[in-house]
Amino acid sequence: MLIRTQDQQSIYNMNNMDSIQIDKAYVKKDDVKYVVKANFSDRSDCYLGKYKTQEIALGILDNICKLYVFNKNGVYQMPEV
């Protein structure tokens, strides 16, 4: 399955990913965002999308899982939310 980044600038193949996780990203001192991040076997990573709350980011992970189960050949577009 392919995942297109939130900014629509990149597409990644899930077959090449080791994991997808949520991380905190500090935009400014008190401005925390939650990023959905892909990790690769060469220890590199990339941000797929950035969200205001952890709950929204968890919902995005749920949506990726659901689409993958039903359509491994699909494309998931990271939403703006």
Protein backbone atom coordinates (compact mmCIF):
# COMPACT_ATOMS: atom_id res chain seq x y z
CA MET A 1 0.00 0.00 0.00
CA LEU A 2 1.18 3.52 -0.73
CA ILE A 3 0.93 6.48 1.65
CA ARG A 4 0.99 10.01 0.31
CA THR A 5 2.29 12.64 2.73
CA GLN A 6 0.05 15.34 4.13
CA ASP A 7 1.85 18.01 2.10
CA GLN A 8 1.30 15.82 -1.01
CA GLN A 9 4.98 16.10 -1.96
CA SER A 10 5.97 12.44 -1.42
CA ILE A 11 4.60 8.91 -1.71
CA TYR A 12 5.98 6.01 0.33
CA ASN A 13 5.50 2.28 -0.09
CA MET A 14 4.50 0.56 3.17
CA ASN A 15 6.44 -2.53 2.07
CA ASN A 16 9.64 -0.53 2.62
CA MET A 17 8.69 0.67 6.12
CA ASP A 18 9.62 -1.01 9.39
CA SER A 19 6.99 0.84 11.39
CA ILE A 20 4.70 3.84 11.60
CA GLN A 21 4.50 5.69 14.90
CA ILE A 22 3.32 8.88 16.58
CA ASP A 23 5.91 11.28 17.98
CA LYS A 24 5.69 14.64 19.68
CA ALA A 25 7.15 17.53 17.71
CA TYR A 26 7.78 20.86 19.37
CA VAL A 27 7.10 23.59 16.83
CA LYS A 28 7.76 26.31 19.41
CA LYS A 29 8.45 26.12 23.13
CA ASP A 30 4.82 25.51 24.15
CA ASP A 31 3.40 24.45 20.78
CA VAL A 32 3.29 20.65 20.66
CA LYS A 33 2.16 18.80 17.55
CA TYR A 34 1.83 15.08 17.03
CA VAL A 35 3.45 13.67 13.91
CA VAL A 36 2.78 10.40 12.19
CA LYS A 37 6.22 9.17 11.25
CA ALA A 38 7.44 6.27 9.09
CA ASN A 39 10.63 4.42 10.10
CA PHE A 40 12.87 2.51 7.70
CA SER A 41 15.42 -0.28 8.17
CA ASP A 42 18.36 2.03 7.44
CA ARG A 43 17.29 4.02 10.57
CA SER A 44 15.99 6.91 8.50
CA ASP A 45 12.50 8.27 8.99
CA CYS A 46 10.04 10.72 7.46
CA TYR A 47 7.04 12.68 8.64
CA LEU A 48 3.83 11.63 6.94
CA GLY A 49 1.58 14.18 8.63
CA LYS A 50 1.31 16.59 11.58
CA TYR A 51 -1.75 16.96 13.84
CA LYS A 52 -2.95 19.08 16.76
CA THR A 53 -3.75 16.23 19.14
CA GLN A 54 -2.60 12.71 19.86
CA GLU A 55 -6.20 11.51 19.46
CA ILE A 56 -6.34 12.78 15.89
CA ALA A 57 -2.99 11.13 15.11
CA LEU A 58 -4.23 7.84 16.60
CA GLY A 59 -7.32 8.06 14.40
CA ILE A 60 -5.06 8.46 11.37
CA LEU A 61 -3.14 5.30 12.35
CA ASP A 62 -6.46 3.46 12.73
CA ASN A 63 -7.51 4.59 9.25
CA ILE A 64 -4.21 3.42 7.74
CA CYS A 65 -4.64 0.00 9.39
CA LYS A 66 -8.25 -0.34 8.17
CA LEU A 67 -7.36 0.54 4.60
CA TYR A 68 -4.37 -1.81 4.63
CA VAL A 69 -6.50 -4.73 5.85
CA PHE A 70 -9.07 -4.22 3.10
CA ASN A 71 -6.91 -2.95 0.24
CA LYS A 72 -3.17 -3.64 0.41
CA ASN A 73 -2.81 -2.10 -3.07
CA GLY A 74 -4.56 1.15 -2.18
CA VAL A 75 -3.23 4.66 -1.64
CA TYR A 76 -3.82 6.46 1.67
CA GLN A 77 -3.76 10.26 1.53
CA MET A 78 -2.75 11.75 4.87
CA PRO A 79 -5.56 14.19 5.78
CA GLU A 80 -5.13 17.81 6.82
CA VAL A 81 -7.53 17.70 9.84
